Amino acid sequence: MSVVTERPLVPEESSRAVRWWQRPWVGPLALVAVAFVAVSVPRYLTLDPASSLVPPAEGFAPHYPMIVAHVLFGSVAILSCCFQVWPAFRRRYPVAHRWIGRAYVFAGVLPAAVMAIVIGAVSPFGPVARASNVLLGLVWFGCTVAGWRAGRARRFGDHRKWMVRSFVLTVSTVTNRIWAVVAGVVLGPQLETTFGGNEQYLMWTIGGLTTWLGWVVPLILAQLWLDRRPKKRARAV
């Protein structure tokens, strides 16, 4: 008489190998992340407010120091997440995956998100951008905490889903720059017509559009991708 036992559920990577060509975006993602950090961070290491890409917020003295902290913590998040979404790395080096994950959460996303909420509330790019930045910080913080708690509880399916959401919010700082270029090209020539020559209104419009599109569009696409993936079934042996 044969005995049938149920195999415990395990993370996706341990059940089947994911070849590099099945995730061709991992390498380019890492290159983009390194390039983005290499270009963005040095200007803030000088601790010179004149080098900041974000204008100072009037009446809020901690604005620039918090921007510097946000950039540094955010750099930890965007670099470490490249390893976390690399299937081969997770499968071969589970211990490193856990330690880098802790760095991603506690030395990257959580402090960066807190800073984003505070400086986002006083953003010089207008009220629409402020609302987006504050909400992004809250959602980023919440998704990451939910993913970390699911991992601690060994609910790996939920852990993966929440961390995918956290990942796309982390890299939204890159997509935000892409939307800014597009919005600048489209709306810039309309300064004297649509905006009546008012550069502040133009800046607020571009800021509002890019901040919302930068994270909402990737988050929606990520959710659609998660919803379309087939559900895993427990197998018996």
C-alpha atoms as a PDB file:
ATOM      1  CA  MET A   1       0.000   0.000   0.000  1.00  0.00           C
ATOM      2  CA  SER A   2       1.412   3.361  -1.007  1.00  0.00           C
ATOM      3  CA  VAL A   3       1.364   6.322   1.293  1.00  0.00           C
ATOM      4  CA  VAL A   4       0.490   9.738  -0.095  1.00  0.00           C
ATOM      5  CA  THR A   5       1.799  12.746   1.759  1.00  0.00           C
ATOM      6  CA  GLU A   6       1.384  16.398   1.054  1.00  0.00           C
ATOM      7  CA  ARG A   7       4.478  18.414   0.286  1.00  0.00           C
ATOM      8  CA  PRO A   8       4.646  21.653   2.306  1.00  0.00           C
ATOM      9  CA  LEU A   9       4.233  24.849   0.394  1.00  0.00           C
ATOM     10  CA  VAL A  10       7.569  26.525  -0.314  1.00  0.00           C
ATOM     11  CA  PRO A  11       8.649  29.736  -2.024  1.00  0.00           C
ATOM     12  CA  GLU A  12       8.311  29.729  -5.791  1.00  0.00           C
ATOM     13  CA  GLU A  13      12.032  29.628  -6.534  1.00  0.00           C
ATOM     14  CA  SER A  14      12.604  26.407  -4.602  1.00  0.00           C
ATOM     15  CA  SER A  15       9.991  24.518  -6.618  1.00  0.00           C
ATOM     16  CA  ARG A  16      11.423  25.259 -10.027  1.00  0.00           C
ATOM     17  CA  ALA A  17      14.441  27.026 -11.421  1.00  0.00           C
ATOM     18  CA  VAL A  18      13.891  30.377 -13.098  1.00  0.00           C
ATOM     19  CA  ARG A  19      16.453  30.857 -15.856  1.00  0.00           C
ATOM     20  CA  TRP A  20      18.023  34.214 -16.561  1.00  0.00           C
ATOM     21  CA  TRP A  21      16.332  34.522 -19.940  1.00  0.00           C
ATOM     22  CA  GLN A  22      12.938  34.237 -18.213  1.00  0.00           C
ATOM     23  CA  ARG A  23      13.711  37.449 -16.337  1.00  0.00           C
ATOM     24  CA  PRO A  24      15.607  39.459 -18.979  1.00  0.00           C
ATOM     25  CA  TRP A  25      14.790  42.731 -17.232  1.00  0.00           C
ATOM     26  CA  VAL A  26      16.865  42.037 -14.102  1.00  0.00           C
ATOM     27  CA  GLY A  27      20.204  43.011 -15.667  1.00  0.00           C
ATOM     28  CA  PRO A  28      18.950  46.238 -17.288  1.00  0.00           C
ATOM     29  CA  LEU A  29      17.150  47.115 -14.065  1.00  0.00           C
ATOM     30  CA  ALA A  30      20.385  46.833 -12.097  1.00  0.00           C
ATOM     31  CA  LEU A  31      22.219  49.004 -14.633  1.00  0.00           C
ATOM     32  CA  VAL A  32      19.501  51.652 -14.511  1.00  0.00           C
ATOM     33  CA  ALA A  33      19.480  51.601 -10.686  1.00  0.00           C
ATOM     34  CA  VAL A  34      23.257  51.977 -10.430  1.00  0.00           C
ATOM     35  CA  ALA A  35      23.304  54.729 -13.059  1.00  0.00           C
ATOM     36  CA  PHE A  36      20.438  56.566 -11.384  1.00  0.00           C
ATOM     37  CA  VAL A  37      22.124  56.486  -7.973  1.00  0.00           C
ATOM     38  CA  ALA A  38      25.512  57.432  -9.446  1.00  0.00           C
ATOM     39  CA  VAL A  39      23.995  60.509 -11.087  1.00  0.00           C
ATOM     40  CA  SER A  40      21.578  61.555  -8.340  1.00  0.00           C
ATOM     41  CA  VAL A  41      23.421  60.988  -5.075  1.00  0.00           C
ATOM     42  CA  PRO A  42      26.762  62.880  -5.454  1.00  0.00           C
ATOM     43  CA  ARG A  43      25.070  66.293  -5.605  1.00  0.00           C
ATOM     44  CA  TYR A  44      23.581  65.653  -2.156  1.00  0.00           C
ATOM     45  CA  LEU A  45      26.825  64.391  -0.621  1.00  0.00           C
ATOM     46  CA  THR A  46      28.204  67.923  -0.881  1.00  0.00           C
ATOM     47  CA  LEU A  47      25.545  69.035   1.641  1.00  0.00           C
ATOM     48  CA  ASP A  48      25.141  72.202  -0.420  1.00  0.00           C
ATOM     49  CA  PRO A  49      21.454  73.218  -0.710  1.00  0.00           C
ATOM     50  CA  ALA A  50      22.251  74.990  -3.982  1.00  0.00           C
ATOM     51  CA  SER A  51      22.956  71.585  -5.569  1.00  0.00           C
ATOM     52  CA  SER A  52      19.525  70.191  -4.749  1.00  0.00           C
ATOM     53  CA  LEU A  53      17.097  69.543  -7.591  1.00  0.00           C
ATOM     54  CA  VAL A  54      14.224  70.370  -5.234  1.00  0.00           C
ATOM     55  CA  PRO A  55      13.707  74.057  -4.365  1.00  0.00           C
ATOM     56  CA  PRO A  56      13.697  74.823  -0.632  1.00  0.00           C
ATOM     57  CA  ALA A  57      10.398  74.872   1.226  1.00  0.00           C
ATOM     58  CA  GLU A  58       9.913  78.285   2.782  1.00  0.00           C
ATOM     59  CA  GLY A  59       9.453  78.272   6.529  1.00  0.00           C
ATOM     60  CA  PHE A  60      10.605  74.659   7.002  1.00  0.00           C
ATOM     61  CA  ALA A  61      14.287  74.618   7.967  1.00  0.00           C
ATOM     62  CA  PRO A  62      14.703  70.792   8.120  1.00  0.00           C
ATOM     63  CA  HIS A  63      13.599  70.480   4.470  1.00  0.00           C
ATOM     64  CA  TYR A  64      17.054  70.125   2.895  1.00  0.00           C
ATOM     65  CA  PRO A  65      18.554  67.800   5.574  1.00  0.00           C
ATOM     66  CA  MET A  66      15.500  65.557   5.237  1.00  0.00           C
ATOM     67  CA  ILE A  67      15.855  65.509   1.448  1.00  0.00           C
ATOM     68  CA  VAL A  68      19.479  64.387   1.850  1.00  0.00           C
ATOM     69  CA  ALA A  69      18.407  61.641   4.267  1.00  0.00           C
ATOM     70  CA  HIS A  70      15.591  60.586   1.936  1.00  0.00           C
ATOM     71  CA  VAL A  71      17.993  60.334  -1.005  1.00  0.00           C
ATOM     72  CA  LEU A  72      20.509  58.243   0.948  1.00  0.00           C
ATOM     73  CA  PHE A  73      17.932  55.860   2.409  1.00  0.00           C
ATOM     74  CA  GLY A  74      16.191  55.670  -0.959  1.00  0.00           C
ATOM     75  CA  SER A  75      19.476  54.728  -2.619  1.00  0.00           C
ATOM     76  CA  VAL A  76      19.815  51.782  -0.247  1.00  0.00           C
ATOM     77  CA  ALA A  77      16.287  50.713  -1.180  1.00  0.00           C
ATOM     78  CA  ILE A  78      16.674  51.004  -4.950  1.00  0.00           C
ATOM     79  CA  LEU A  79      20.043  49.190  -5.041  1.00  0.00           C
ATOM     80  CA  SER A  80      19.080  46.387  -2.655  1.00  0.00           C
ATOM     81  CA  CYS A  81      15.760  45.707  -4.378  1.00  0.00           C
ATOM     82  CA  CYS A  82      17.646  44.673  -7.534  1.00  0.00           C
ATOM     83  CA  PHE A  83      18.945  41.626  -5.642  1.00  0.00           C
ATOM     84  CA  GLN A  84      15.573  40.936  -4.064  1.00  0.00           C
ATOM     85  CA  VAL A  85      13.747  40.589  -7.402  1.00  0.00           C
ATOM     86  CA  TRP A  86      16.498  38.404  -8.925  1.00  0.00           C
ATOM     87  CA  PRO A  87      15.078  34.842  -8.797  1.00  0.00           C
ATOM     88  CA  ALA A  88      18.428  33.045  -9.165  1.00  0.00           C
ATOM     89  CA  PHE A  89      19.946  35.063  -6.322  1.00  0.00           C
ATOM     90  CA  ARG A  90      17.010  34.359  -4.010  1.00  0.00           C
ATOM     91  CA  ARG A  91      17.190  30.644  -4.774  1.00  0.00           C
ATOM     92  CA  ARG A  92      20.959  30.207  -4.420  1.00  0.00           C
ATOM     93  CA  TYR A  93      21.604  32.594  -1.530  1.00  0.00           C
ATOM     94  CA  PRO A  94      18.570  32.536   0.782  1.00  0.00           C
ATOM     95  CA  VAL A  95      20.545  33.828   3.766  1.00  0.00           C
ATOM     96  CA  ALA A  96      21.845  36.802   1.796  1.00  0.00           C
ATOM     97  CA  HIS A  97      18.329  37.383   0.508  1.00  0.00           C
ATOM     98  CA  ARG A  98      17.041  37.671   4.065  1.00  0.00           C
ATOM     99  CA  TRP A  99      19.817  40.021   5.200  1.00  0.00           C
ATOM    100  CA  ILE A 100      19.549  42.250   2.130  1.00  0.00           C
ATOM    101  CA  GLY A 101      15.794  42.215   2.656  1.00  0.00           C
ATOM    102  CA  ARG A 102      16.264  43.567   6.171  1.00  0.00           C
ATOM    103  CA  ALA A 103      18.495  46.323   4.799  1.00  0.00           C
ATOM    104  CA  TYR A 104      15.884  47.068   2.126  1.00  0.00           C
ATOM    105  CA  VAL A 105      13.148  47.416   4.735  1.00  0.00           C
ATOM    106  CA  PHE A 106      14.850  49.026   7.730  1.00  0.00           C
ATOM    107  CA  ALA A 107      17.764  50.954   6.182  1.00  0.00           C
ATOM    108  CA  GLY A 108      15.977  51.764   2.953  1.00  0.00           C
ATOM    109  CA  VAL A 109      12.226  51.943   2.484  1.00  0.00           C
ATOM    110  CA  LEU A 110      10.896  52.700   5.966  1.00  0.00           C
ATOM    111  CA  PRO A 111      13.101  55.707   6.785  1.00  0.00           C
ATOM    112  CA  ALA A 112      12.927  56.935   3.172  1.00  0.00           C
ATOM    113  CA  ALA A 113       9.120  56.694   3.227  1.00  0.00           C
ATOM    114  CA  VAL A 114       8.859  58.620   6.491  1.00  0.00           C
ATOM    115  CA  MET A 115      11.054  61.355   5.034  1.00  0.00           C
ATOM    116  CA  ALA A 116       8.970  61.339   1.843  1.00  0.00           C
ATOM    117  CA  ILE A 117       5.761  61.900   3.813  1.00  0.00           C
ATOM    118  CA  VAL A 118       7.201  64.874   5.699  1.00  0.00           C
ATOM    119  CA  ILE A 119       8.961  66.641   2.828  1.00  0.00           C
ATOM    120  CA  GLY A 120       6.133  65.710   0.468  1.00  0.00           C
ATOM    121  CA  ALA A 121       3.681  67.628   2.643  1.00  0.00           C
ATOM    122  CA  VAL A 122       5.657  70.845   2.048  1.00  0.00           C
ATOM    123  CA  SER A 123       6.619  70.183  -1.569  1.00  0.00           C
ATOM    124  CA  PRO A 124       7.247  73.374  -3.583  1.00  0.00           C
ATOM    125  CA  PHE A 125       5.666  71.705  -6.626  1.00  0.00           C
ATOM    126  CA  GLY A 126       2.109  72.546  -5.627  1.00  0.00           C
ATOM    127  CA  PRO A 127      -0.837  71.023  -3.742  1.00  0.00           C
ATOM    128  CA  VAL A 128      -1.490  68.224  -6.250  1.00  0.00           C
ATOM    129  CA  ALA A 129       2.119  67.034  -5.964  1.00  0.00           C
ATOM    130  CA  ARG A 130       1.937  67.305  -2.176  1.00  0.00           C
ATOM    131  CA  ALA A 131      -1.095  65.036  -2.004  1.00  0.00           C
ATOM    132  CA  SER A 132       0.602  62.505  -4.291  1.00  0.00           C
ATOM    133  CA  ASN A 133       3.895  62.505  -2.386  1.00  0.00           C
ATOM    134  CA  VAL A 134       2.223  62.010   0.987  1.00  0.00           C
ATOM    135  CA  LEU A 135      -0.002  59.208  -0.298  1.00  0.00           C
ATOM    136  CA  LEU A 136       2.950  57.543  -2.059  1.00  0.00           C
ATOM    137  CA  GLY A 137       4.959  57.584   1.161  1.00  0.00           C
ATOM    138  CA  LEU A 138       2.083  56.037   3.113  1.00  0.00           C
ATOM    139  CA  VAL A 139       1.381  53.315   0.524  1.00  0.00           C
ATOM    140  CA  TRP A 140       5.109  52.558   0.119  1.00  0.00           C
ATOM    141  CA  PHE A 141       5.506  52.235   3.883  1.00  0.00           C
ATOM    142  CA  GLY A 142       2.363  50.113   4.222  1.00  0.00           C
ATOM    143  CA  CYS A 143       3.159  47.681   1.389  1.00  0.00           C
ATOM    144  CA  THR A 144       6.675  47.140   2.695  1.00  0.00           C
ATOM    145  CA  VAL A 145       5.558  46.493   6.273  1.00  0.00           C
ATOM    146  CA  ALA A 146       2.868  44.100   5.018  1.00  0.00           C
ATOM    147  CA  GLY A 147       5.464  42.234   2.945  1.00  0.00           C
ATOM    148  CA  TRP A 148       7.915  42.016   5.832  1.00  0.00           C
ATOM    149  CA  ARG A 149       5.241  40.720   8.219  1.00  0.00           C
ATOM    150  CA  ALA A 150       4.085  38.120   5.681  1.00  0.00           C
ATOM    151  CA  GLY A 151       7.672  36.903   5.275  1.00  0.00           C
ATOM    152  CA  ARG A 152       8.117  36.658   9.035  1.00  0.00           C
ATOM    153  CA  ALA A 153       4.927  34.579   9.193  1.00  0.00           C
ATOM    154  CA  ARG A 154       6.256  32.376   6.341  1.00  0.00           C
ATOM    155  CA  ARG A 155       3.313  33.315   4.141  1.00  0.00           C
ATOM    156  CA  PHE A 156       5.604  33.438   1.118  1.00  0.00           C
ATOM    157  CA  GLY A 157       2.878  33.956  -1.466  1.00  0.00           C
ATOM    158  CA  ASP A 158       1.606  37.074   0.297  1.00  0.00           C
ATOM    159  CA  HIS A 159       5.183  38.163   1.001  1.00  0.00           C
ATOM    160  CA  ARG A 160       6.038  38.052  -2.673  1.00  0.00           C
ATOM    161  CA  LYS A 161       2.943  40.002  -3.734  1.00  0.00           C
ATOM    162  CA  TRP A 162       3.438  42.774  -1.208  1.00  0.00           C
ATOM    163  CA  MET A 163       7.117  43.047  -2.044  1.00  0.00           C
ATOM    164  CA  VAL A 164       6.356  43.299  -5.758  1.00  0.00           C
ATOM    165  CA  ARG A 165       4.154  46.284  -4.936  1.00  0.00           C
ATOM    166  CA  SER A 166       6.856  47.726  -2.692  1.00  0.00           C
ATOM    167  CA  PHE A 167       9.423  47.220  -5.464  1.00  0.00           C
ATOM    168  CA  VAL A 168       7.466  49.139  -8.109  1.00  0.00           C
ATOM    169  CA  LEU A 169       6.935  51.987  -5.648  1.00  0.00           C
ATOM    170  CA  THR A 170      10.664  52.030  -4.942  1.00  0.00           C
ATOM    171  CA  VAL A 171      11.596  52.352  -8.613  1.00  0.00           C
ATOM    172  CA  SER A 172       8.816  54.890  -9.213  1.00  0.00           C
ATOM    173  CA  THR A 173      11.421  57.560  -8.525  1.00  0.00           C
ATOM    174  CA  VAL A 174      12.920  56.570 -11.892  1.00  0.00           C
ATOM    175  CA  THR A 175       9.635  56.479 -13.796  1.00  0.00           C
ATOM    176  CA  ASN A 176       8.796  59.835 -12.240  1.00  0.00           C
ATOM    177  CA  ARG A 177      11.784  61.357 -14.055  1.00  0.00           C
ATOM    178  CA  ILE A 178      10.631  59.856 -17.348  1.00  0.00           C
ATOM    179  CA  TRP A 179       7.169  61.387 -16.976  1.00  0.00           C
ATOM    180  CA  ALA A 180       8.767  64.728 -16.041  1.00  0.00           C
ATOM    181  CA  VAL A 181      10.657  64.809 -19.335  1.00  0.00           C
ATOM    182  CA  VAL A 182       7.517  63.918 -21.303  1.00  0.00           C
ATOM    183  CA  ALA A 183       5.409  66.512 -19.482  1.00  0.00           C
ATOM    184  CA  GLY A 184       8.089  69.166 -19.918  1.00  0.00           C
ATOM    185  CA  VAL A 185       8.320  68.544 -23.660  1.00  0.00           C
ATOM    186  CA  VAL A 186       4.530  68.602 -24.110  1.00  0.00           C
ATOM    187  CA  LEU A 187       3.613  71.453 -21.758  1.00  0.00           C
ATOM    188  CA  GLY A 188       6.729  73.631 -21.919  1.00  0.00           C
ATOM    189  CA  PRO A 189       5.824  75.275 -25.269  1.00  0.00           C
ATOM    190  CA  GLN A 190       2.429  76.219 -23.789  1.00  0.00           C
ATOM    191  CA  LEU A 191       3.917  78.508 -21.131  1.00  0.00           C
ATOM    192  CA  GLU A 192       2.861  81.720 -22.837  1.00  0.00           C
ATOM    193  CA  THR A 193      -0.535  80.455 -23.966  1.00  0.00           C
ATOM    194  CA  THR A 194      -2.161  77.908 -21.653  1.00  0.00           C
ATOM    195  CA  PHE A 195      -0.325  79.125 -18.536  1.00  0.00           C
ATOM    196  CA  GLY A 196      -0.314  82.842 -19.374  1.00  0.00           C
ATOM    197  CA  GLY A 197       3.440  83.080 -18.877  1.00  0.00           C
ATOM    198  CA  ASN A 198       3.172  81.955 -15.241  1.00  0.00           C
ATOM    199  CA  GLU A 199       6.117  79.616 -14.652  1.00  0.00           C
ATOM    200  CA  GLN A 200       4.825  78.559 -11.237  1.00  0.00           C
ATOM    201  CA  TYR A 201       1.574  77.248 -12.695  1.00  0.00           C
ATOM    202  CA  LEU A 202       3.550  75.361 -15.320  1.00  0.00           C
ATOM    203  CA  MET A 203       5.837  73.869 -12.658  1.00  0.00           C
ATOM    204  CA  TRP A 204       2.875  72.887 -10.482  1.00  0.00           C
ATOM    205  CA  THR A 205       1.116  71.226 -13.417  1.00  0.00           C
ATOM    206  CA  ILE A 206       4.182  69.250 -14.445  1.00  0.00           C
ATOM    207  CA  GLY A 207       4.875  68.333 -10.826  1.00  0.00           C
ATOM    208  CA  GLY A 208       1.313  67.191 -10.212  1.00  0.00           C
ATOM    209  CA  LEU A 209       1.162  65.058 -13.337  1.00  0.00           C
ATOM    210  CA  THR A 210       4.545  63.413 -12.928  1.00  0.00           C
ATOM    211  CA  THR A 211       4.208  62.612  -9.232  1.00  0.00           C
ATOM    212  CA  TRP A 212       0.872  60.836  -9.710  1.00  0.00           C
ATOM    213  CA  LEU A 213       1.735  59.065 -12.969  1.00  0.00           C
ATOM    214  CA  GLY A 214       5.165  58.060 -11.669  1.00  0.00           C
ATOM    215  CA  TRP A 215       3.812  55.633  -9.061  1.00  0.00           C
ATOM    216  CA  VAL A 216       0.132  55.012  -9.846  1.00  0.00           C
ATOM    217  CA  VAL A 217       0.717  53.640 -13.364  1.00  0.00           C
ATOM    218  CA  PRO A 218       3.479  51.164 -12.298  1.00  0.00           C
ATOM    219  CA  LEU A 219       1.409  50.036  -9.306  1.00  0.00           C
ATOM    220  CA  ILE A 220      -1.632  49.336 -11.494  1.00  0.00           C
ATOM    221  CA  LEU A 221       0.492  47.422 -14.013  1.00  0.00           C
ATOM    222  CA  ALA A 222       2.095  45.394 -11.214  1.00  0.00           C
ATOM    223  CA  GLN A 223      -1.313  44.477  -9.810  1.00  0.00           C
ATOM    224  CA  LEU A 224      -2.552  43.414 -13.251  1.00  0.00           C
ATOM    225  CA  TRP A 225       0.558  41.257 -13.614  1.00  0.00           C
ATOM    226  CA  LEU A 226      -0.001  39.648 -10.216  1.00  0.00           C
ATOM    227  CA  ASP A 227      -3.666  38.985 -10.960  1.00  0.00           C
ATOM    228  CA  ARG A 228      -2.918  37.303 -14.287  1.00  0.00           C
ATOM    229  CA  ARG A 229      -0.361  34.856 -12.971  1.00  0.00           C
ATOM    230  CA  PRO A 230      -1.721  31.299 -12.566  1.00  0.00           C
ATOM    231  CA  LYS A 231      -2.252  30.118  -9.027  1.00  0.00           C
ATOM    232  CA  LYS A 232       0.151  27.514  -7.697  1.00  0.00           C
ATOM    233  CA  ARG A 233      -1.310  24.191  -6.628  1.00  0.00           C
ATOM    234  CA  ALA A 234       0.002  22.039  -3.828  1.00  0.00           C
ATOM    235  CA  ARG A 235       1.366  18.780  -5.254  1.00  0.00           C
ATOM    236  CA  ALA A 236       1.229  15.308  -3.734  1.00  0.00           C
ATOM    237  CA  VAL A 237       3.925  12.610  -3.906  1.00  0.00           C
END
